[in-house]
C-alpha atoms as a PDB file:
ATOM      1  CA  MET A   1      28.845  -9.940   3.549  1.00  0.00           C
ATOM      2  CA  SER A   2      25.379  -8.540   2.892  1.00  0.00           C
ATOM      3  CA  VAL A   3      23.770  -6.024   5.235  1.00  0.00           C
ATOM      4  CA  GLN A   4      20.950  -8.506   5.843  1.00  0.00           C
ATOM      5  CA  THR A   5      23.393 -11.232   6.910  1.00  0.00           C
ATOM      6  CA  THR A   6      25.224  -8.792   9.181  1.00  0.00           C
ATOM      7  CA  ILE A   7      21.946  -7.829  10.865  1.00  0.00           C
ATOM      8  CA  GLU A   8      21.010 -11.492  11.338  1.00  0.00           C
ATOM      9  CA  GLN A   9      24.388 -12.292  12.867  1.00  0.00           C
ATOM     10  CA  LYS A  10      24.462  -9.304  15.223  1.00  0.00           C
ATOM     11  CA  LEU A  11      20.978 -10.028  16.564  1.00  0.00           C
ATOM     12  CA  GLN A  12      22.178 -13.471  17.651  1.00  0.00           C
ATOM     13  CA  ALA A  13      23.662 -11.645  20.660  1.00  0.00           C
ATOM     14  CA  LEU A  14      20.152 -11.976  22.124  1.00  0.00           C
ATOM     15  CA  ARG A  15      18.450 -15.229  23.055  1.00  0.00           C
ATOM     16  CA  VAL A  16      16.577 -15.731  19.793  1.00  0.00           C
ATOM     17  CA  GLU A  17      13.536 -17.980  19.564  1.00  0.00           C
ATOM     18  CA  HIS A  18      12.469 -16.619  16.182  1.00  0.00           C
ATOM     19  CA  LEU A  19      14.203 -14.195  13.844  1.00  0.00           C
ATOM     20  CA  GLU A  20      13.142 -12.926  10.471  1.00  0.00           C
ATOM     21  CA  VAL A  21      15.009 -10.150   8.695  1.00  0.00           C
ATOM     22  CA  LEU A  22      13.353  -8.999   5.493  1.00  0.00           C
ATOM     23  CA  ASN A  23      14.995  -6.664   3.032  1.00  0.00           C
ATOM     24  CA  GLU A  24      12.088  -4.439   1.976  1.00  0.00           C
ATOM     25  CA  SER A  25      14.214  -2.027  -0.042  1.00  0.00           C
ATOM     26  CA  HIS A  26      12.515  -3.149  -3.269  1.00  0.00           C
ATOM     27  CA  MET A  27       9.288  -1.596  -1.915  1.00  0.00           C
ATOM     28  CA  HIS A  28      10.875   1.872  -1.868  1.00  0.00           C
ATOM     29  CA  ASN A  29      12.330   4.444  -4.241  1.00  0.00           C
ATOM     30  CA  VAL A  30      15.891   3.070  -4.160  1.00  0.00           C
ATOM     31  CA  PRO A  31      18.168   1.492  -6.765  1.00  0.00           C
ATOM     32  CA  THR A  32      17.683  -2.189  -7.568  1.00  0.00           C
ATOM     33  CA  GLY A  33      19.688  -4.388  -5.217  1.00  0.00           C
ATOM     34  CA  SER A  34      19.717  -1.856  -2.374  1.00  0.00           C
ATOM     35  CA  GLU A  35      19.928  -2.950   1.244  1.00  0.00           C
ATOM     36  CA  SER A  36      18.544   0.114   2.983  1.00  0.00           C
ATOM     37  CA  HIS A  37      15.065  -0.768   4.306  1.00  0.00           C
ATOM     38  CA  PHE A  38      14.571  -3.736   6.639  1.00  0.00           C
ATOM     39  CA  LYS A  39      11.809  -5.303   8.677  1.00  0.00           C
ATOM     40  CA  VAL A  40      12.934  -7.325  11.686  1.00  0.00           C
ATOM     41  CA  THR A  41      10.745  -9.699  13.649  1.00  0.00           C
ATOM     42  CA  LEU A  42      12.569 -10.915  16.736  1.00  0.00           C
ATOM     43  CA  VAL A  43      11.127 -13.133  19.443  1.00  0.00           C
ATOM     44  CA  SER A  44      13.248 -13.338  22.575  1.00  0.00           C
ATOM     45  CA  PRO A  45      12.803 -13.996  26.282  1.00  0.00           C
ATOM     46  CA  ASP A  46      15.271 -11.090  26.719  1.00  0.00           C
ATOM     47  CA  PHE A  47      12.298  -8.781  26.084  1.00  0.00           C
ATOM     48  CA  LEU A  48      10.367  -9.976  29.154  1.00  0.00           C
ATOM     49  CA  GLY A  49       9.508  -7.029  31.408  1.00  0.00           C
ATOM     50  CA  LYS A  50      10.909  -4.498  28.919  1.00  0.00           C
ATOM     51  CA  THR A  51       8.927  -1.659  27.366  1.00  0.00           C
ATOM     52  CA  LEU A  52       8.682  -1.397  23.598  1.00  0.00           C
ATOM     53  CA  VAL A  53      11.127   1.528  23.664  1.00  0.00           C
ATOM     54  CA  ALA A  54      13.637  -0.491  25.724  1.00  0.00           C
ATOM     55  CA  ARG A  55      13.347  -3.409  23.292  1.00  0.00           C
ATOM     56  CA  HIS A  56      13.978  -1.164  20.321  1.00  0.00           C
ATOM     57  CA  ARG A  57      16.947   0.436  22.058  1.00  0.00           C
ATOM     58  CA  MET A  58      18.433  -3.036  22.575  1.00  0.00           C
ATOM     59  CA  ILE A  59      18.205  -3.683  18.824  1.00  0.00           C
ATOM     60  CA  ASN A  60      19.422  -0.219  17.860  1.00  0.00           C
ATOM     61  CA  GLN A  61      22.473  -0.611  20.094  1.00  0.00           C
ATOM     62  CA  LEU A  62      23.391  -3.897  18.423  1.00  0.00           C
ATOM     63  CA  LEU A  63      22.966  -2.348  14.972  1.00  0.00           C
ATOM     64  CA  THR A  64      24.670   1.009  15.618  1.00  0.00           C
ATOM     65  CA  ASP A  65      27.036   0.728  12.653  1.00  0.00           C
ATOM     66  CA  GLU A  66      24.335  -0.345  10.217  1.00  0.00           C
ATOM     67  CA  LEU A  67      21.982   2.445  11.323  1.00  0.00           C
ATOM     68  CA  ALA A  68      24.795   4.978  10.911  1.00  0.00           C
ATOM     69  CA  GLY A  69      25.551   3.697   7.426  1.00  0.00           C
ATOM     70  CA  PRO A  70      23.618   1.633   4.924  1.00  0.00           C
ATOM     71  CA  VAL A  71      20.313   1.181   6.784  1.00  0.00           C
ATOM     72  CA  HIS A  72      17.898   4.025   6.148  1.00  0.00           C
ATOM     73  CA  ALA A  73      14.784   2.456   7.697  1.00  0.00           C
ATOM     74  CA  LEU A  74      14.317  -0.318  10.239  1.00  0.00           C
ATOM     75  CA  SER A  75      10.875  -1.631  11.142  1.00  0.00           C
ATOM     76  CA  LEU A  76      10.928  -3.636  14.375  1.00  0.00           C
ATOM     77  CA  ASN A  77       8.580  -6.263  15.765  1.00  0.00           C
ATOM     78  CA  THR A  78      10.053  -7.194  19.143  1.00  0.00           C
ATOM     79  CA  LEU A  79       8.077  -9.841  20.973  1.00  0.00           C
ATOM     80  CA  THR A  80       8.347 -12.147  23.940  1.00  0.00           C
ATOM     81  CA  PRO A  81       7.609 -15.810  23.249  1.00  0.00           C
ATOM     82  CA  GLU A  82       4.191 -15.398  24.909  1.00  0.00           C
ATOM     83  CA  GLU A  83       3.321 -12.354  22.777  1.00  0.00           C
ATOM     84  CA  TRP A  84       4.426 -14.228  19.653  1.00  0.00           C
ATOM     85  CA  GLY A  85       2.125 -17.111  20.573  1.00  0.00           C
ATOM     86  CA  GLN A  86      -0.781 -14.737  21.142  1.00  0.00           C
ATOM     87  CA  LYS A  87      -0.264 -13.336  17.637  1.00  0.00           C
ATOM     88  CA  GLY A  88      -0.309 -16.826  16.180  1.00  0.00           C
ATOM     89  CA  GLY A  89       3.273 -16.491  14.996  1.00  0.00           C
ATOM     90  CA  GLU A  90       2.469 -13.685  12.580  1.00  0.00           C
ATOM     91  CA  VAL A  91       3.015  -9.945  12.277  1.00  0.00           C
ATOM     92  CA  ARG A  92       1.358  -7.431   9.976  1.00  0.00           C
ATOM     93  CA  ASN A  93       2.639  -6.865   6.471  1.00  0.00           C
ATOM     94  CA  SER A  94       4.428  -3.595   5.885  1.00  0.00           C
ATOM     95  CA  PRO A  95       2.336  -0.866   4.260  1.00  0.00           C
ATOM     96  CA  PRO A  96       3.195   0.236   0.728  1.00  0.00           C
ATOM     97  CA  CYS A  97       5.731   3.013   0.336  1.00  0.00           C
ATOM     98  CA  MET A  98       4.155   6.450  -0.029  1.00  0.00           C
ATOM     99  CA  GLY A  99       6.793   7.498  -2.565  1.00  0.00           C
ATOM    100  CA  GLY A 100       9.422   9.204  -0.446  1.00  0.00           C
ATOM    101  CA  SER A 101      11.474  11.738  -2.355  1.00  0.00           C
ATOM    102  CA  SER A 102       9.945  10.687  -5.692  1.00  0.00           C
ATOM    103  CA  LYS A 103       6.590  12.194  -4.725  1.00  0.00           C
ATOM    104  CA  SER A 104       6.188  15.916  -5.238  1.00  0.00           C
ATOM    105  CA  GLY A 105       4.335  17.830  -2.582  1.00  0.00           C
END
């Protein structure tokens, strides 16, 4: 099973109104076909009354194994249904990679 599919399945532990898991590894200095950089947009009523840090901790707890292994970077957009509506059902695009280890300093 792919890392992306595993992430999608594990996040179903929350009450999901909208879930998008994007593999953004191709935007980074990693081998072709890598599954190491992900962007997650998750809309759930489970986030009501929770701080951003608490929301992220909820996700991180569900994805402990992936974060300890294949996932190098995880961008999170954690929204309540109301917040999602206020954003018009959209989140910002990820910025371009700044080069990571391929860039000399």
